[in-house]
């Protein structure tokens, strides 16, 4: 499920030539950016660590109504269809600063787990075939990204949020790129706060095997 530009966010690639854009020492969040071939918009990767279960992060991501409480500039997130326990489609509206028009997006998410490392990955990709856009918003039509939850020692979970997108509407790349640090930084701050709640830490998903 999930997110856009914070959802202005996100094709994900193979190279590792990231530049560190900021480090929030208090919340242990690092944000990196890099250029994407054929795009004027940068990709971002944000990394942090949290204590708890692998399932908690997935449960928070799948809780569409709570998205506005932690995803940067999210106005609303609604579940369109739960295709299976591990796959769904979601509709999101992202607030943009005046006079820029608000964006909306349709995203399909898929959850998978590596059987060896137990790392859980939630892939996100834009969908444009669910229902048409309207004049109230500009549709984000190109977006891909993922969340990755990897178990570490001491009941720690490494959290990676990576994405790249074209927000559409003819926005200049410098304006889009100006969001690509604050968006993931503030999104991970919100994630770190909410994922500790009992409703997520005690959540169960039969398709996820915990490390402990």
N, C-alpha and C. Protein backbone atom coordinates (compact mmCIF):
# COMPACT_ATOMS: atom_id res chain seq x y z
N UNK A 1 0.84 -1.15 0.00
CA UNK A 1 0.00 0.00 0.00
C UNK A 1 0.84 1.16 0.00
N UNK A 2 0.90 1.91 -0.88
CA UNK A 2 1.27 2.97 -0.07
C UNK A 2 1.82 4.16 -0.60
N UNK A 3 2.36 4.78 -1.03
CA UNK A 3 2.74 6.03 -0.74
C UNK A 3 3.21 6.81 -1.89
N UNK A 4 2.95 7.98 -1.86
CA UNK A 4 3.28 8.67 -3.04
C UNK A 4 3.58 10.11 -2.75
N UNK A 5 4.64 10.54 -3.39
CA UNK A 5 5.37 11.81 -3.13
C UNK A 5 5.48 12.05 -1.71
N UNK A 6 5.33 11.60 -1.24
CA UNK A 6 5.74 10.78 -0.23
C UNK A 6 5.19 9.64 -0.71
N UNK A 7 4.31 10.43 -1.21
CA UNK A 7 3.95 10.04 -2.46
C UNK A 7 4.39 10.90 -3.59
N UNK A 8 4.99 11.96 -3.64
CA UNK A 8 5.66 12.44 -4.84
C UNK A 8 6.81 11.53 -5.05
N UNK A 9 6.73 10.51 -4.55
CA UNK A 9 7.76 9.57 -4.57
C UNK A 9 7.49 8.52 -5.63
N UNK A 10 7.63 6.83 -7.05
CA UNK A 10 8.77 6.56 -6.91
C UNK A 10 9.34 5.65 -7.76
N UNK A 11 10.33 3.39 -10.85
CA UNK A 11 11.29 2.47 -11.21
C UNK A 11 12.38 2.38 -10.21
N UNK A 12 12.64 1.35 -9.71
CA UNK A 12 13.70 1.17 -8.76
C UNK A 12 14.78 0.37 -9.44
N UNK A 13 16.01 0.63 -9.17
CA UNK A 13 17.11 0.25 -10.02
C UNK A 13 18.16 -0.59 -9.32
N UNK A 14 19.20 -0.89 -10.03
CA UNK A 14 20.18 -1.82 -9.51
C UNK A 14 21.42 -1.14 -8.96
N UNK A 15 21.81 -0.02 -9.50
CA UNK A 15 23.07 0.60 -9.10
C UNK A 15 23.02 1.07 -7.66
N UNK A 16 24.21 1.30 -7.08
CA UNK A 16 24.28 1.69 -5.68
C UNK A 16 24.91 3.06 -5.50
N UNK A 17 24.92 3.88 -6.52
CA UNK A 17 25.60 5.18 -6.46
C UNK A 17 24.70 6.24 -5.81
N UNK A 18 24.42 6.03 -4.52
CA UNK A 18 23.59 6.96 -3.76
C UNK A 18 24.43 8.06 -3.13
N UNK A 19 23.88 9.25 -3.06
CA UNK A 19 24.48 10.36 -2.33
C UNK A 19 23.67 10.63 -1.08
N UNK A 20 24.34 10.68 0.06
CA UNK A 20 23.61 10.96 1.30
C UNK A 20 23.15 12.41 1.31
N UNK A 21 21.84 12.59 1.48
CA UNK A 21 21.26 13.93 1.46
C UNK A 21 21.09 14.51 2.85
N UNK A 22 20.77 13.67 3.83
CA UNK A 22 20.62 14.15 5.20
C UNK A 22 20.69 12.98 6.16
N UNK A 23 21.03 13.29 7.42
CA UNK A 23 21.04 12.29 8.48
C UNK A 23 20.42 12.91 9.72
N UNK A 24 19.32 12.32 10.14
CA UNK A 24 18.66 12.73 11.37
C UNK A 24 19.18 11.83 12.48
N UNK A 25 20.13 12.33 13.26
CA UNK A 25 20.77 11.51 14.28
C UNK A 25 19.79 11.11 15.38
N UNK A 26 18.91 12.02 15.76
CA UNK A 26 17.98 11.75 16.86
C UNK A 26 17.06 10.59 16.53
N UNK A 27 16.56 10.52 15.30
CA UNK A 27 15.65 9.46 14.90
C UNK A 27 16.34 8.36 14.09
N UNK A 28 17.65 8.46 13.91
CA UNK A 28 18.42 7.45 13.17
C UNK A 28 17.81 7.21 11.79
N UNK A 29 17.68 8.30 11.02
CA UNK A 29 17.15 8.20 9.66
C UNK A 29 18.14 8.82 8.70
N UNK A 30 18.53 8.05 7.70
CA UNK A 30 19.38 8.57 6.64
C UNK A 30 18.59 8.58 5.33
N UNK A 31 18.73 9.68 4.58
CA UNK A 31 18.05 9.79 3.30
C UNK A 31 19.11 9.98 2.21
N UNK A 32 18.99 9.18 1.16
CA UNK A 32 19.91 9.24 0.03
C UNK A 32 19.12 9.58 -1.23
N UNK A 33 19.79 10.19 -2.20
CA UNK A 33 19.17 10.43 -3.50
C UNK A 33 20.15 10.01 -4.59
N UNK A 34 19.61 9.80 -5.79
CA UNK A 34 20.48 9.52 -6.93
C UNK A 34 19.73 9.81 -8.22
N UNK A 35 20.49 10.01 -9.29
CA UNK A 35 19.91 10.27 -10.60
C UNK A 35 19.44 8.96 -11.22
N UNK A 36 18.40 9.07 -12.00
CA UNK A 36 17.84 7.92 -12.71
C UNK A 36 17.97 8.19 -14.21
N UNK A 37 18.55 7.24 -14.92
CA UNK A 37 18.76 7.42 -16.35
C UNK A 37 17.42 7.67 -17.06
N UNK A 38 17.40 8.73 -17.85
CA UNK A 38 16.20 9.06 -18.61
C UNK A 38 15.17 9.86 -17.85
N UNK A 39 15.48 10.28 -16.63
CA UNK A 39 14.54 11.04 -15.81
C UNK A 39 15.23 12.25 -15.20
N UNK A 40 14.51 13.35 -15.14
CA UNK A 40 15.03 14.54 -14.45
C UNK A 40 14.72 14.51 -12.96
N UNK A 41 13.90 13.55 -12.56
CA UNK A 41 13.52 13.44 -11.16
C UNK A 41 14.42 12.45 -10.44
N UNK A 42 14.90 12.82 -9.28
CA UNK A 42 15.76 11.95 -8.51
C UNK A 42 14.95 10.83 -7.86
N UNK A 43 15.62 9.73 -7.60
CA UNK A 43 15.07 8.68 -6.74
C UNK A 43 15.55 8.94 -5.32
N UNK A 44 14.84 8.38 -4.34
CA UNK A 44 15.30 8.49 -2.97
C UNK A 44 15.33 7.12 -2.31
N UNK A 45 16.15 7.02 -1.28
CA UNK A 45 16.17 5.85 -0.39
C UNK A 45 16.34 6.35 1.03
N UNK A 46 15.46 5.93 1.90
CA UNK A 46 15.53 6.32 3.30
C UNK A 46 15.71 5.07 4.14
N UNK A 47 16.57 5.15 5.16
CA UNK A 47 16.92 3.98 5.97
C UNK A 47 16.83 4.32 7.45
N UNK A 48 16.23 3.44 8.22
CA UNK A 48 16.20 3.59 9.67
C UNK A 48 16.15 2.21 10.31
N UNK A 49 16.05 2.16 11.64
CA UNK A 49 15.92 0.91 12.37
C UNK A 49 14.85 1.07 13.44
N UNK A 50 14.06 0.01 13.63
CA UNK A 50 13.04 0.02 14.67
C UNK A 50 13.13 -1.30 15.44
N UNK A 51 12.55 -1.29 16.63
CA UNK A 51 12.50 -2.50 17.46
C UNK A 51 11.13 -3.12 17.32
N UNK A 52 11.09 -4.44 17.17
CA UNK A 52 9.80 -5.11 17.12
C UNK A 52 9.72 -6.21 16.09
N UNK A 53 8.53 -6.45 15.59
CA UNK A 53 8.28 -7.58 14.70
C UNK A 53 8.33 -7.16 13.23
N UNK A 54 8.57 -8.12 12.38
CA UNK A 54 8.49 -7.90 10.93
C UNK A 54 7.05 -7.60 10.52
N UNK A 55 6.11 -8.27 11.16
CA UNK A 55 4.71 -8.11 10.80
C UNK A 55 4.21 -6.71 11.06
N UNK A 56 4.74 -6.04 12.07
CA UNK A 56 4.25 -4.72 12.45
C UNK A 56 4.31 -3.73 11.30
N UNK A 57 5.43 -3.72 10.59
CA UNK A 57 5.58 -2.79 9.49
C UNK A 57 4.57 -3.05 8.38
N UNK A 58 4.36 -4.32 8.06
CA UNK A 58 3.38 -4.67 7.02
C UNK A 58 1.98 -4.30 7.47
N UNK A 59 1.65 -4.57 8.72
CA UNK A 59 0.33 -4.25 9.24
C UNK A 59 0.05 -2.74 9.17
N UNK A 60 1.06 -1.94 9.47
CA UNK A 60 0.89 -0.49 9.37
C UNK A 60 0.69 -0.07 7.92
N UNK A 61 1.48 -0.61 7.02
CA UNK A 61 1.34 -0.26 5.61
C UNK A 61 -0.03 -0.66 5.06
N UNK A 62 -0.61 -1.73 5.56
CA UNK A 62 -1.89 -2.21 5.06
C UNK A 62 -3.08 -1.51 5.73
N UNK A 63 -2.82 -0.68 6.72
CA UNK A 63 -3.88 0.03 7.42
C UNK A 63 -4.14 1.35 6.70
N UNK A 64 -4.90 1.30 5.61
CA UNK A 64 -5.08 2.46 4.75
C UNK A 64 -5.60 3.70 5.47
N UNK A 65 -6.59 3.62 6.34
CA UNK A 65 -7.11 4.83 6.98
C UNK A 65 -6.08 5.57 7.83
N UNK A 66 -5.07 4.86 8.35
CA UNK A 66 -4.06 5.51 9.19
C UNK A 66 -2.97 6.19 8.37
N UNK A 67 -2.93 5.97 7.08
CA UNK A 67 -1.84 6.50 6.25
C UNK A 67 -1.71 8.01 6.37
N UNK A 68 -2.83 8.70 6.43
CA UNK A 68 -2.79 10.17 6.53
C UNK A 68 -2.14 10.64 7.83
N UNK A 69 -2.02 9.75 8.81
CA UNK A 69 -1.44 10.11 10.10
C UNK A 69 0.08 10.04 10.11
N UNK A 70 0.68 9.46 9.06
CA UNK A 70 2.14 9.31 9.10
C UNK A 70 2.84 9.52 7.78
N UNK A 71 2.17 9.39 6.67
CA UNK A 71 2.82 9.60 5.37
C UNK A 71 2.79 11.08 5.02
N UNK A 72 3.92 11.62 4.68
CA UNK A 72 4.09 13.05 4.41
C UNK A 72 3.10 13.54 3.35
N UNK A 73 2.31 14.55 3.73
CA UNK A 73 1.38 15.23 2.83
C UNK A 73 0.23 14.36 2.33
N UNK A 74 0.02 13.20 2.96
CA UNK A 74 -1.11 12.37 2.56
C UNK A 74 -2.41 12.96 3.09
N UNK A 75 -3.35 13.17 2.21
CA UNK A 75 -4.67 13.68 2.60
C UNK A 75 -5.63 12.54 2.89
N UNK A 76 -5.57 11.51 2.08
CA UNK A 76 -6.44 10.36 2.27
C UNK A 76 -5.86 9.15 1.54
N UNK A 77 -6.05 7.98 2.13
CA UNK A 77 -5.70 6.72 1.48
C UNK A 77 -6.87 5.77 1.68
N UNK A 78 -7.32 5.16 0.59
CA UNK A 78 -8.44 4.22 0.66
C UNK A 78 -8.07 2.92 -0.05
N UNK A 79 -8.52 1.82 0.52
CA UNK A 79 -8.34 0.52 -0.13
C UNK A 79 -9.37 0.36 -1.23
N UNK A 80 -8.91 0.11 -2.45
CA UNK A 80 -9.82 -0.16 -3.56
C UNK A 80 -10.21 -1.62 -3.59
N UNK A 81 -9.22 -2.49 -3.52
CA UNK A 81 -9.48 -3.92 -3.59
C UNK A 81 -8.38 -4.69 -2.88
N UNK A 82 -8.75 -5.61 -2.02
CA UNK A 82 -7.81 -6.53 -1.42
C UNK A 82 -7.83 -7.79 -2.27
N UNK A 83 -6.87 -7.89 -3.18
CA UNK A 83 -6.84 -8.98 -4.15
C UNK A 83 -6.57 -10.31 -3.46
N UNK A 84 -5.66 -10.29 -2.50
CA UNK A 84 -5.34 -11.46 -1.68
C UNK A 84 -4.74 -10.94 -0.39
N UNK A 85 -4.33 -11.85 0.48
CA UNK A 85 -3.72 -11.42 1.74
C UNK A 85 -2.43 -10.64 1.53
N UNK A 86 -1.79 -10.87 0.38
CA UNK A 86 -0.50 -10.23 0.12
C UNK A 86 -0.54 -9.21 -1.01
N UNK A 87 -1.70 -8.93 -1.56
CA UNK A 87 -1.77 -8.05 -2.72
C UNK A 87 -3.03 -7.19 -2.64
N UNK A 88 -2.87 -5.89 -2.94
CA UNK A 88 -4.02 -5.00 -2.91
C UNK A 88 -3.79 -3.77 -3.76
N UNK A 89 -4.88 -3.03 -4.03
CA UNK A 89 -4.79 -1.76 -4.74
C UNK A 89 -5.37 -0.66 -3.85
N UNK A 90 -4.76 0.53 -3.94
CA UNK A 90 -5.09 1.63 -3.05
C UNK A 90 -5.16 2.95 -3.82
N UNK A 91 -6.01 3.82 -3.32
CA UNK A 91 -6.16 5.16 -3.90
C UNK A 91 -5.68 6.18 -2.89
N UNK A 92 -4.88 7.14 -3.34
CA UNK A 92 -4.31 8.14 -2.43
C UNK A 92 -4.37 9.52 -3.03
N UNK A 93 -4.66 10.51 -2.19
CA UNK A 93 -4.61 11.92 -2.56
C UNK A 93 -3.49 12.57 -1.77
N UNK A 94 -2.63 13.30 -2.46
CA UNK A 94 -1.49 13.95 -1.84
C UNK A 94 -1.66 15.46 -1.90
N UNK A 95 -1.56 16.10 -0.74
CA UNK A 95 -1.61 17.56 -0.69
C UNK A 95 -0.35 18.15 -1.29
N UNK A 96 -0.51 19.18 -2.11
CA UNK A 96 0.62 19.91 -2.68
C UNK A 96 0.51 21.38 -2.27
N UNK A 97 1.64 22.06 -2.13
CA UNK A 97 1.60 23.46 -1.72
C UNK A 97 1.00 24.34 -2.82
N UNK A 98 0.19 25.29 -2.41
CA UNK A 98 -0.40 26.25 -3.36
C UNK A 98 0.72 26.97 -4.10
N UNK A 99 0.61 27.21 -5.41
CA UNK A 99 -0.56 26.98 -6.25
C UNK A 99 -0.52 25.66 -7.02
N UNK A 100 0.33 24.72 -6.60
CA UNK A 100 0.44 23.44 -7.29
C UNK A 100 -0.80 22.60 -6.99
N UNK A 101 -1.31 21.96 -8.02
CA UNK A 101 -2.54 21.16 -7.89
C UNK A 101 -2.24 19.86 -7.14
N UNK A 102 -3.18 19.46 -6.28
CA UNK A 102 -3.02 18.20 -5.56
C UNK A 102 -2.93 17.03 -6.54
N UNK A 103 -2.22 15.99 -6.10
CA UNK A 103 -2.04 14.78 -6.91
C UNK A 103 -2.88 13.64 -6.36
N UNK A 104 -3.29 12.73 -7.24
CA UNK A 104 -3.85 11.47 -6.79
C UNK A 104 -3.14 10.32 -7.48
N UNK A 105 -3.28 9.15 -6.93
CA UNK A 105 -2.56 8.00 -7.47
C UNK A 105 -3.29 6.72 -7.12
N UNK A 106 -3.11 5.72 -7.96
CA UNK A 106 -3.58 4.37 -7.70
C UNK A 106 -2.36 3.46 -7.67
N UNK A 107 -2.21 2.72 -6.59
CA UNK A 107 -1.02 1.92 -6.40
C UNK A 107 -1.38 0.48 -6.09
N UNK A 108 -0.66 -0.44 -6.73
CA UNK A 108 -0.80 -1.86 -6.40
C UNK A 108 0.38 -2.27 -5.55
N UNK A 109 0.12 -2.99 -4.48
CA UNK A 109 1.20 -3.45 -3.60
C UNK A 109 1.21 -4.97 -3.52
N UNK A 110 2.41 -5.52 -3.37
CA UNK A 110 2.57 -6.97 -3.22
C UNK A 110 3.59 -7.23 -2.11
N UNK A 111 3.26 -8.14 -1.20
CA UNK A 111 4.13 -8.49 -0.09
C UNK A 111 4.78 -9.84 -0.36
N UNK A 112 6.10 -9.92 -0.12
CA UNK A 112 6.81 -11.19 -0.26
C UNK A 112 7.86 -11.30 0.85
N UNK A 113 8.28 -12.53 1.12
CA UNK A 113 9.30 -12.74 2.15
C UNK A 113 10.36 -13.69 1.64
N UNK A 114 11.62 -13.30 1.84
CA UNK A 114 12.74 -14.16 1.48
C UNK A 114 12.80 -15.31 2.48
N UNK A 115 12.75 -16.56 2.01
CA UNK A 115 12.70 -17.69 2.95
C UNK A 115 14.00 -17.90 3.72
N UNK A 116 15.10 -17.36 3.22
CA UNK A 116 16.39 -17.54 3.90
C UNK A 116 16.69 -16.41 4.87
N UNK A 117 16.65 -15.16 4.39
CA UNK A 117 16.97 -14.03 5.26
C UNK A 117 15.77 -13.57 6.09
N UNK A 118 14.58 -14.00 5.69
CA UNK A 118 13.31 -13.61 6.30
C UNK A 118 12.96 -12.14 6.05
N UNK A 119 13.73 -11.46 5.21
CA UNK A 119 13.42 -10.08 4.87
C UNK A 119 12.07 -10.01 4.17
N UNK A 120 11.26 -9.04 4.56
CA UNK A 120 9.92 -8.85 4.00
C UNK A 120 9.95 -7.61 3.11
N UNK A 121 9.46 -7.76 1.90
CA UNK A 121 9.46 -6.66 0.94
C UNK A 121 8.04 -6.36 0.49
N UNK A 122 7.70 -5.08 0.46
CA UNK A 122 6.39 -4.63 -0.04
C UNK A 122 6.65 -3.77 -1.27
N UNK A 123 6.35 -4.33 -2.44
CA UNK A 123 6.56 -3.62 -3.70
C UNK A 123 5.34 -2.78 -4.04
N UNK A 124 5.60 -1.57 -4.59
CA UNK A 124 4.53 -0.64 -4.95
C UNK A 124 4.72 -0.21 -6.40
N UNK A 125 3.65 -0.24 -7.17
CA UNK A 125 3.70 0.20 -8.56
C UNK A 125 2.40 0.90 -8.93
N UNK A 126 2.52 1.96 -9.74
CA UNK A 126 1.34 2.71 -10.17
C UNK A 126 0.48 1.85 -11.06
N UNK A 127 -0.85 2.03 -10.92
CA UNK A 127 -1.83 1.39 -11.79
C UNK A 127 -2.65 2.50 -12.45
N UNK A 128 -2.86 2.38 -13.75
CA UNK A 128 -3.62 3.40 -14.48
C UNK A 128 -4.87 2.85 -15.15
N UNK A 129 -5.21 1.60 -14.84
CA UNK A 129 -6.32 0.94 -15.52
C UNK A 129 -7.51 0.67 -14.59
N UNK A 130 -7.51 1.26 -13.41
CA UNK A 130 -8.56 0.97 -12.43
C UNK A 130 -9.75 1.90 -12.64
N UNK A 131 -9.51 3.20 -12.63
CA UNK A 131 -10.54 4.17 -12.99
C UNK A 131 -9.85 5.45 -13.45
N UNK A 132 -10.51 6.23 -14.31
CA UNK A 132 -9.85 7.39 -14.91
C UNK A 132 -9.64 8.53 -13.92
N UNK A 133 -8.73 9.43 -14.27
CA UNK A 133 -8.50 10.62 -13.46
C UNK A 133 -9.64 11.62 -13.68
N UNK A 134 -9.70 12.65 -12.81
CA UNK A 134 -10.70 13.70 -12.98
C UNK A 134 -10.01 15.06 -12.87
N UNK A 135 -10.78 16.12 -13.08
CA UNK A 135 -10.21 17.46 -13.13
C UNK A 135 -9.79 18.00 -11.77
N UNK A 136 -10.17 17.33 -10.70
CA UNK A 136 -9.82 17.83 -9.37
C UNK A 136 -8.36 17.61 -9.02
N UNK A 137 -7.74 16.61 -9.65
CA UNK A 137 -6.37 16.25 -9.30
C UNK A 137 -5.57 15.95 -10.57
N UNK A 138 -4.25 15.95 -10.41
CA UNK A 138 -3.35 15.45 -11.46
C UNK A 138 -2.89 14.06 -11.05
N UNK A 139 -3.08 13.12 -11.93
CA UNK A 139 -2.79 11.72 -11.64
C UNK A 139 -1.28 11.44 -11.75
N UNK A 140 -0.74 10.80 -10.72
CA UNK A 140 0.64 10.29 -10.77
C UNK A 140 0.59 8.96 -11.50
N UNK A 141 1.11 8.93 -12.71
CA UNK A 141 0.98 7.74 -13.55
C UNK A 141 2.24 6.88 -13.58
N UNK A 142 3.38 7.43 -13.18
CA UNK A 142 4.62 6.67 -13.19
C UNK A 142 5.21 6.69 -11.79
N UNK A 143 5.17 5.55 -11.13
CA UNK A 143 5.70 5.43 -9.78
C UNK A 143 6.03 3.99 -9.49
N UNK A 144 7.18 3.75 -8.89
CA UNK A 144 7.51 2.43 -8.39
C UNK A 144 8.42 2.56 -7.19
N UNK A 145 8.33 1.62 -6.30
CA UNK A 145 9.15 1.68 -5.10
C UNK A 145 8.91 0.46 -4.24
N UNK A 146 9.49 0.45 -3.07
CA UNK A 146 9.31 -0.68 -2.16
C UNK A 146 9.67 -0.28 -0.73
N UNK A 147 9.14 -1.05 0.20
CA UNK A 147 9.58 -1.06 1.59
C UNK A 147 10.25 -2.40 1.83
N UNK A 148 11.35 -2.39 2.59
CA UNK A 148 12.07 -3.62 2.90
C UNK A 148 12.34 -3.67 4.40
N UNK A 149 11.86 -4.75 5.03
CA UNK A 149 12.06 -4.95 6.46
C UNK A 149 12.97 -6.16 6.67
N UNK A 150 14.17 -5.91 7.18
CA UNK A 150 15.17 -6.97 7.34
C UNK A 150 15.50 -7.17 8.80
N UNK A 151 15.33 -8.39 9.33
CA UNK A 151 15.64 -8.62 10.75
C UNK A 151 17.13 -8.53 11.03
N UNK A 152 17.46 -7.88 12.15
CA UNK A 152 18.84 -7.75 12.61
C UNK A 152 18.94 -8.25 14.05
N UNK A 153 20.15 -8.27 14.59
CA UNK A 153 20.33 -8.74 15.96
C UNK A 153 19.65 -7.81 16.95
N UNK A 154 19.31 -8.35 18.11
CA UNK A 154 18.73 -7.53 19.16
C UNK A 154 17.31 -7.10 18.91
N UNK A 155 16.54 -7.92 18.19
CA UNK A 155 15.14 -7.61 17.90
C UNK A 155 14.98 -6.34 17.10
N UNK A 156 16.02 -5.99 16.34
CA UNK A 156 15.98 -4.80 15.50
C UNK A 156 15.53 -5.15 14.07
N UNK A 157 14.84 -4.21 13.45
CA UNK A 157 14.42 -4.34 12.07
C UNK A 157 15.00 -3.17 11.28
N UNK A 158 15.78 -3.48 10.24
CA UNK A 158 16.23 -2.43 9.33
C UNK A 158 15.10 -2.13 8.36
N UNK A 159 14.77 -0.85 8.23
CA UNK A 159 13.69 -0.41 7.37
C UNK A 159 14.26 0.41 6.22
N UNK A 160 13.98 0.00 4.99
CA UNK A 160 14.39 0.75 3.80
C UNK A 160 13.16 1.12 3.00
N UNK A 161 13.06 2.39 2.66
CA UNK A 161 11.96 2.89 1.83
C UNK A 161 12.59 3.55 0.62
N UNK A 162 12.39 2.96 -0.56
CA UNK A 162 13.01 3.47 -1.79
C UNK A 162 11.95 3.66 -2.86
N UNK A 163 12.07 4.76 -3.63
CA UNK A 163 11.05 5.01 -4.64
C UNK A 163 11.52 6.04 -5.66
N UNK A 164 10.80 6.04 -6.80
CA UNK A 164 11.04 7.01 -7.86
C UNK A 164 9.73 7.23 -8.60
N UNK A 165 9.45 8.48 -8.98
CA UNK A 165 8.18 8.74 -9.66
C UNK A 165 8.28 9.98 -10.53
N UNK A 166 7.33 10.07 -11.45
CA UNK A 166 7.09 11.29 -12.21
C UNK A 166 5.74 11.81 -11.75
N UNK A 167 5.69 12.94 -11.05
CA UNK A 167 4.42 13.42 -10.51
C UNK A 167 3.48 14.00 -11.54
N UNK A 168 3.93 14.18 -12.78
CA UNK A 168 3.06 14.69 -13.84
C UNK A 168 2.74 16.17 -13.68
N UNK A 169 1.99 16.67 -14.63
CA UNK A 169 1.54 18.04 -14.55
C UNK A 169 2.56 19.09 -14.93
N UNK A 170 3.67 18.67 -15.51
CA UNK A 170 4.66 19.63 -15.97
C UNK A 170 5.40 20.36 -14.87
N UNK A 171 5.49 19.76 -13.67
CA UNK A 171 6.25 20.39 -12.59
C UNK A 171 7.73 20.40 -12.94
N UNK A 172 8.43 21.51 -12.68
CA UNK A 172 9.87 21.54 -12.93
C UNK A 172 10.60 20.56 -12.03
N UNK A 173 11.64 19.95 -12.55
CA UNK A 173 12.35 18.91 -11.79
C UNK A 173 12.94 19.46 -10.50
N UNK A 174 13.37 20.73 -10.50
CA UNK A 174 13.95 21.29 -9.28
C UNK A 174 12.93 21.33 -8.16
N UNK A 175 11.66 21.59 -8.50
CA UNK A 175 10.61 21.63 -7.49
C UNK A 175 10.33 20.23 -6.95
N UNK A 176 10.22 19.27 -7.87
CA UNK A 176 9.99 17.89 -7.44
C UNK A 176 11.12 17.41 -6.55
N UNK A 177 12.35 17.66 -6.99
CA UNK A 177 13.50 17.17 -6.24
C UNK A 177 13.62 17.82 -4.87
N UNK A 178 13.03 19.01 -4.71
CA UNK A 178 13.09 19.69 -3.41
C UNK A 178 12.27 18.94 -2.36
N UNK A 179 11.33 18.09 -2.79
CA UNK A 179 10.53 17.30 -1.87
C UNK A 179 11.21 15.99 -1.48
N UNK A 180 12.21 15.59 -2.22
CA UNK A 180 12.69 14.22 -2.13
C UNK A 180 13.65 13.97 -0.98
N UNK A 181 13.73 14.88 -0.05
CA UNK A 181 14.40 14.64 1.22
C UNK A 181 13.38 14.74 2.34
N UNK A 182 12.63 15.83 2.37
CA UNK A 182 11.63 16.02 3.42
C UNK A 182 10.56 14.94 3.39
N UNK A 183 10.15 14.50 2.19
CA UNK A 183 9.06 13.52 2.10
C UNK A 183 9.43 12.20 2.79
N UNK A 184 10.51 11.52 2.40
CA UNK A 184 10.83 10.26 3.08
C UNK A 184 11.28 10.46 4.52
N UNK A 185 11.96 11.58 4.80
CA UNK A 185 12.41 11.83 6.17
C UNK A 185 11.22 11.91 7.12
N UNK A 186 10.23 12.71 6.77
CA UNK A 186 9.06 12.86 7.63
C UNK A 186 8.17 11.63 7.61
N UNK A 187 8.13 10.92 6.49
CA UNK A 187 7.38 9.68 6.44
C UNK A 187 7.97 8.65 7.40
N UNK A 188 9.28 8.51 7.42
CA UNK A 188 9.89 7.54 8.33
C UNK A 188 9.76 7.98 9.79
N UNK A 189 9.77 9.28 10.04
CA UNK A 189 9.50 9.74 11.41
C UNK A 189 8.13 9.28 11.87
N UNK A 190 7.14 9.45 10.99
CA UNK A 190 5.80 9.00 11.33
C UNK A 190 5.71 7.50 11.46
N UNK A 191 6.38 6.78 10.57
CA UNK A 191 6.41 5.32 10.62
C UNK A 191 6.97 4.84 11.95
N UNK A 192 8.11 5.41 12.37
CA UNK A 192 8.77 4.99 13.60
C UNK A 192 7.84 5.17 14.81
N UNK A 193 7.06 6.22 14.79
CA UNK A 193 6.17 6.51 15.91
C UNK A 193 4.99 5.55 15.96
N UNK A 194 4.34 5.33 14.84
CA UNK A 194 3.11 4.53 14.84
C UNK A 194 3.38 3.04 14.90
N UNK A 195 4.49 2.57 14.33
CA UNK A 195 4.72 1.13 14.25
C UNK A 195 4.91 0.51 15.63
N UNK A 196 5.17 1.32 16.65
CA UNK A 196 5.34 0.81 18.00
C UNK A 196 4.01 0.50 18.68
N UNK A 197 2.89 0.96 18.11
CA UNK A 197 1.59 0.74 18.74
C UNK A 197 1.26 -0.75 18.81
N UNK A 198 0.56 -1.14 19.88
CA UNK A 198 0.25 -2.55 20.10
C UNK A 198 -0.54 -3.16 18.95
N UNK A 199 -1.41 -2.37 18.34
CA UNK A 199 -2.26 -2.91 17.27
C UNK A 199 -1.41 -3.44 16.12
N UNK A 200 -0.22 -2.88 15.94
CA UNK A 200 0.69 -3.34 14.88
C UNK A 200 1.69 -4.36 15.41
N UNK A 201 2.25 -4.11 16.60
CA UNK A 201 3.23 -5.04 17.15
C UNK A 201 2.62 -6.41 17.47
N UNK A 202 1.33 -6.43 17.76
CA UNK A 202 0.67 -7.69 18.07
C UNK A 202 -0.09 -8.27 16.87
N UNK A 203 0.02 -7.61 15.73
CA UNK A 203 -0.68 -8.07 14.53
C UNK A 203 -0.08 -9.41 14.06
N UNK A 204 -0.91 -10.20 13.39
CA UNK A 204 -0.46 -11.48 12.85
C UNK A 204 -0.78 -11.55 11.36
N UNK A 205 0.16 -12.07 10.60
CA UNK A 205 -0.02 -12.32 9.19
C UNK A 205 0.51 -13.72 8.92
N UNK A 206 -0.33 -14.62 8.45
CA UNK A 206 0.09 -16.02 8.28
C UNK A 206 1.18 -16.17 7.24
N UNK A 207 1.32 -15.18 6.35
CA UNK A 207 2.32 -15.27 5.28
C UNK A 207 3.69 -14.71 5.71
N UNK A 208 3.82 -14.27 6.96
CA UNK A 208 5.09 -13.74 7.44
C UNK A 208 5.62 -14.63 8.56
N UNK A 209 6.87 -15.04 8.43
CA UNK A 209 7.53 -15.81 9.47
C UNK A 209 8.48 -14.89 10.22
N UNK A 210 8.32 -14.80 11.52
CA UNK A 210 9.16 -13.91 12.32
C UNK A 210 10.54 -14.53 12.55
N UNK A 211 11.52 -13.66 12.81
CA UNK A 211 12.89 -14.13 13.01
C UNK A 211 13.06 -14.80 14.36
N UNK A 212 12.26 -14.40 15.35
CA UNK A 212 12.41 -14.96 16.70
C UNK A 212 11.23 -15.84 17.06
